[in-house]
């Protein structure tokens, strides 16, 4: 891992995985979208950074453009 990257820990309903991401202006990304990471192959998943996490933990936050109303 270089000074411009960090290791994110994605914690979801199917388990935990790690992913190396680039820092943006020295800070971790607040959210990421993983293409094809949903239950269906064509389903994208939004992950949000847990604000009080010391180890760059992300949790599933839903699907992009999904209507949850």
C-alpha atoms as a PDB file:
ATOM      1  CA  UNK A   1       0.000   0.000   0.000  1.00  0.00           C
ATOM      2  CA  UNK A   2       1.401   3.405  -0.958  1.00  0.00           C
ATOM      3  CA  UNK A   3       0.795   6.778   0.674  1.00  0.00           C
ATOM      4  CA  UNK A   4      -1.857   7.545  -1.942  1.00  0.00           C
ATOM      5  CA  UNK A   5      -3.951   4.404  -1.341  1.00  0.00           C
ATOM      6  CA  UNK A   6      -5.711   2.664   1.528  1.00  0.00           C
ATOM      7  CA  UNK A   7      -7.295  -0.714   2.162  1.00  0.00           C
ATOM      8  CA  UNK A   8     -11.072  -0.561   2.521  1.00  0.00           C
ATOM      9  CA  UNK A   9     -12.970  -3.296   4.353  1.00  0.00           C
ATOM     10  CA  UNK A  10     -16.387  -3.961   2.795  1.00  0.00           C
ATOM     11  CA  UNK A  11     -18.736  -5.560   5.339  1.00  0.00           C
ATOM     12  CA  UNK A  12     -21.948  -6.863   3.816  1.00  0.00           C
ATOM     13  CA  UNK A  13     -24.623  -9.477   4.178  1.00  0.00           C
ATOM     14  CA  UNK A  14     -22.528 -12.046   2.303  1.00  0.00           C
ATOM     15  CA  UNK A  15     -19.309 -11.499   4.251  1.00  0.00           C
ATOM     16  CA  UNK A  16     -16.287  -9.235   4.324  1.00  0.00           C
ATOM     17  CA  UNK A  17     -13.792  -8.405   1.602  1.00  0.00           C
ATOM     18  CA  UNK A  18     -10.968  -5.929   1.178  1.00  0.00           C
ATOM     19  CA  UNK A  19     -10.328  -3.522  -1.660  1.00  0.00           C
ATOM     20  CA  UNK A  20      -7.467  -1.109  -2.286  1.00  0.00           C
ATOM     21  CA  UNK A  21      -8.677   2.412  -3.127  1.00  0.00           C
ATOM     22  CA  UNK A  22      -7.035   5.725  -3.947  1.00  0.00           C
ATOM     23  CA  UNK A  23      -7.168   8.525  -1.395  1.00  0.00           C
ATOM     24  CA  UNK A  24      -8.756  11.767  -2.588  1.00  0.00           C
ATOM     25  CA  UNK A  25      -6.823  14.795  -1.322  1.00  0.00           C
ATOM     26  CA  UNK A  26      -5.417  12.539   1.417  1.00  0.00           C
ATOM     27  CA  UNK A  27      -8.861  11.381   2.599  1.00  0.00           C
ATOM     28  CA  UNK A  28     -10.818   8.147   2.112  1.00  0.00           C
ATOM     29  CA  UNK A  29     -13.842   8.143  -0.168  1.00  0.00           C
ATOM     30  CA  UNK A  30     -17.159   8.717   1.631  1.00  0.00           C
ATOM     31  CA  UNK A  31     -18.891   6.195  -0.613  1.00  0.00           C
ATOM     32  CA  UNK A  32     -18.180   3.901  -3.526  1.00  0.00           C
ATOM     33  CA  UNK A  33     -20.290   2.086  -6.107  1.00  0.00           C
ATOM     34  CA  UNK A  34     -19.337  -1.465  -7.013  1.00  0.00           C
ATOM     35  CA  UNK A  35     -20.631  -2.522 -10.404  1.00  0.00           C
ATOM     36  CA  UNK A  36     -22.169  -5.969 -10.587  1.00  0.00           C
ATOM     37  CA  UNK A  37     -21.797  -6.575  -6.846  1.00  0.00           C
ATOM     38  CA  UNK A  38     -25.471  -7.147  -6.136  1.00  0.00           C
ATOM     39  CA  UNK A  39     -27.513 -10.306  -6.012  1.00  0.00           C
ATOM     40  CA  UNK A  40     -27.920 -10.125  -9.796  1.00  0.00           C
ATOM     41  CA  UNK A  41     -24.902  -9.725 -12.101  1.00  0.00           C
ATOM     42  CA  UNK A  42     -26.167  -6.398 -13.453  1.00  0.00           C
ATOM     43  CA  UNK A  43     -26.959  -4.940 -10.020  1.00  0.00           C
ATOM     44  CA  UNK A  44     -24.677  -2.241  -8.600  1.00  0.00           C
ATOM     45  CA  UNK A  45     -24.209  -1.665  -4.858  1.00  0.00           C
ATOM     46  CA  UNK A  46     -23.464   1.575  -2.983  1.00  0.00           C
ATOM     47  CA  UNK A  47     -21.095   1.297   0.002  1.00  0.00           C
ATOM     48  CA  UNK A  48     -20.718   4.074   2.596  1.00  0.00           C
ATOM     49  CA  UNK A  49     -17.784   4.704   4.903  1.00  0.00           C
ATOM     50  CA  UNK A  50     -18.587   4.096   8.579  1.00  0.00           C
ATOM     51  CA  UNK A  51     -17.782   7.489  10.108  1.00  0.00           C
ATOM     52  CA  UNK A  52     -16.404   6.236  13.439  1.00  0.00           C
ATOM     53  CA  UNK A  53     -14.384   3.367  11.946  1.00  0.00           C
ATOM     54  CA  UNK A  54     -10.622   3.381  12.456  1.00  0.00           C
ATOM     55  CA  UNK A  55      -9.935   0.854   9.712  1.00  0.00           C
ATOM     56  CA  UNK A  56     -11.835   2.228   6.684  1.00  0.00           C
ATOM     57  CA  UNK A  57     -14.898   0.031   7.099  1.00  0.00           C
ATOM     58  CA  UNK A  58     -17.688   0.384   4.551  1.00  0.00           C
ATOM     59  CA  UNK A  59     -21.266  -0.939   4.861  1.00  0.00           C
ATOM     60  CA  UNK A  60     -23.835  -1.633   2.158  1.00  0.00           C
ATOM     61  CA  UNK A  61     -26.044   1.425   1.678  1.00  0.00           C
ATOM     62  CA  UNK A  62     -28.384   0.310  -1.085  1.00  0.00           C
ATOM     63  CA  UNK A  63     -28.674   0.375  -4.826  1.00  0.00           C
ATOM     64  CA  UNK A  64     -28.058   3.445  -7.019  1.00  0.00           C
ATOM     65  CA  UNK A  65     -31.251   5.148  -8.200  1.00  0.00           C
ATOM     66  CA  UNK A  66     -33.422   2.710  -6.226  1.00  0.00           C
ATOM     67  CA  UNK A  67     -36.805   3.975  -5.070  1.00  0.00           C
ATOM     68  CA  UNK A  68     -37.141   3.019  -1.402  1.00  0.00           C
ATOM     69  CA  UNK A  69     -40.415   4.879  -0.802  1.00  0.00           C
END
